[in-house]
């Protein structure tokens, strides 16, 4: 298992202010939801979950597709 496969980053504006890495999808997905609840009220907050192995964004908050 790759312990750093899933990379979660909290940005304020363009600056990363908090990061975490997990090997488990379930853990990373749970942390993504938790971070939205805990840090979503920070001004200009953006939270991004990336699969480093597949090099793709798995989740982004707020959802930029709207």
C-alpha atoms as a PDB file:
ATOM      1  CA  UNK A   1       0.000   0.000   0.000  1.00  0.00           C
ATOM      2  CA  UNK A   2       1.219   3.492  -0.860  1.00  0.00           C
ATOM      3  CA  UNK A   3       0.854   5.466   2.399  1.00  0.00           C
ATOM      4  CA  UNK A   4       0.872   8.776   0.509  1.00  0.00           C
ATOM      5  CA  UNK A   5      -1.402   7.935  -2.434  1.00  0.00           C
ATOM      6  CA  UNK A   6      -4.210  10.322  -1.475  1.00  0.00           C
ATOM      7  CA  UNK A   7      -3.151  13.925  -0.943  1.00  0.00           C
ATOM      8  CA  UNK A   8      -5.514  16.439   0.646  1.00  0.00           C
ATOM      9  CA  UNK A   9      -4.720  20.163   0.632  1.00  0.00           C
ATOM     10  CA  UNK A  10      -6.476  23.144   2.192  1.00  0.00           C
ATOM     11  CA  UNK A  11      -5.732  26.383   0.357  1.00  0.00           C
ATOM     12  CA  UNK A  12      -6.576  29.948   1.292  1.00  0.00           C
ATOM     13  CA  UNK A  13      -6.403  31.766  -1.993  1.00  0.00           C
ATOM     14  CA  UNK A  14      -3.405  30.308  -3.817  1.00  0.00           C
ATOM     15  CA  UNK A  15      -1.483  29.384  -0.658  1.00  0.00           C
ATOM     16  CA  UNK A  16      -1.564  25.848   0.798  1.00  0.00           C
ATOM     17  CA  UNK A  17      -2.056  26.086   4.572  1.00  0.00           C
ATOM     18  CA  UNK A  18      -2.680  22.450   5.542  1.00  0.00           C
ATOM     19  CA  UNK A  19      -1.904  19.098   3.922  1.00  0.00           C
ATOM     20  CA  UNK A  20      -2.399  15.432   4.656  1.00  0.00           C
ATOM     21  CA  UNK A  21      -1.561  12.135   2.958  1.00  0.00           C
ATOM     22  CA  UNK A  22      -3.286   8.765   3.364  1.00  0.00           C
ATOM     23  CA  UNK A  23      -2.936   5.321   1.831  1.00  0.00           C
ATOM     24  CA  UNK A  24      -6.584   4.397   2.299  1.00  0.00           C
ATOM     25  CA  UNK A  25      -9.311   5.796   0.036  1.00  0.00           C
ATOM     26  CA  UNK A  26     -11.895   5.472   2.835  1.00  0.00           C
ATOM     27  CA  UNK A  27      -9.737   7.499   5.220  1.00  0.00           C
ATOM     28  CA  UNK A  28      -8.908  10.163   2.631  1.00  0.00           C
ATOM     29  CA  UNK A  29     -12.553  10.538   1.594  1.00  0.00           C
ATOM     30  CA  UNK A  30     -13.611  10.818   5.240  1.00  0.00           C
ATOM     31  CA  UNK A  31     -10.963  13.455   5.896  1.00  0.00           C
ATOM     32  CA  UNK A  32     -12.087  15.403   2.811  1.00  0.00           C
ATOM     33  CA  UNK A  33     -15.608  15.585   4.255  1.00  0.00           C
ATOM     34  CA  UNK A  34     -14.289  16.406   7.740  1.00  0.00           C
ATOM     35  CA  UNK A  35     -12.072  19.220   6.434  1.00  0.00           C
ATOM     36  CA  UNK A  36     -15.013  20.766   4.577  1.00  0.00           C
ATOM     37  CA  UNK A  37     -16.974  20.816   7.842  1.00  0.00           C
ATOM     38  CA  UNK A  38     -14.090  22.116   9.949  1.00  0.00           C
ATOM     39  CA  UNK A  39     -12.387  24.522   7.546  1.00  0.00           C
ATOM     40  CA  UNK A  40     -15.004  25.381   4.935  1.00  0.00           C
ATOM     41  CA  UNK A  41     -15.784  28.665   6.690  1.00  0.00           C
ATOM     42  CA  UNK A  42     -12.210  29.973   6.302  1.00  0.00           C
ATOM     43  CA  UNK A  43     -12.130  32.957   3.947  1.00  0.00           C
ATOM     44  CA  UNK A  44     -11.190  31.910   0.383  1.00  0.00           C
ATOM     45  CA  UNK A  45     -10.918  28.249   1.468  1.00  0.00           C
ATOM     46  CA  UNK A  46     -10.465  25.610  -1.201  1.00  0.00           C
ATOM     47  CA  UNK A  47     -10.015  21.915  -0.415  1.00  0.00           C
ATOM     48  CA  UNK A  48      -8.626  19.512  -3.007  1.00  0.00           C
ATOM     49  CA  UNK A  49      -8.216  15.719  -2.848  1.00  0.00           C
ATOM     50  CA  UNK A  50      -5.771  14.220  -5.364  1.00  0.00           C
ATOM     51  CA  UNK A  51      -4.892  10.618  -6.232  1.00  0.00           C
ATOM     52  CA  UNK A  52      -1.103  10.928  -6.584  1.00  0.00           C
ATOM     53  CA  UNK A  53      -0.789   7.491  -8.207  1.00  0.00           C
ATOM     54  CA  UNK A  54      -3.281   8.252 -10.994  1.00  0.00           C
ATOM     55  CA  UNK A  55      -2.433  11.983 -10.986  1.00  0.00           C
ATOM     56  CA  UNK A  56      -6.023  13.173 -10.946  1.00  0.00           C
ATOM     57  CA  UNK A  57      -8.284  15.297  -8.770  1.00  0.00           C
ATOM     58  CA  UNK A  58     -10.859  13.172  -6.940  1.00  0.00           C
ATOM     59  CA  UNK A  59     -12.660  15.975  -5.155  1.00  0.00           C
ATOM     60  CA  UNK A  60     -12.675  19.728  -4.904  1.00  0.00           C
ATOM     61  CA  UNK A  61     -14.598  22.056  -2.612  1.00  0.00           C
ATOM     62  CA  UNK A  62     -16.212  24.340  -3.335  1.00  0.00           C
ATOM     63  CA  UNK A  63     -17.264  22.528  -6.502  1.00  0.00           C
ATOM     64  CA  UNK A  64     -15.882  24.649  -9.345  1.00  0.00           C
ATOM     65  CA  UNK A  65     -18.143  23.010 -11.969  1.00  0.00           C
ATOM     66  CA  UNK A  66     -21.213  24.909 -10.770  1.00  0.00           C
END
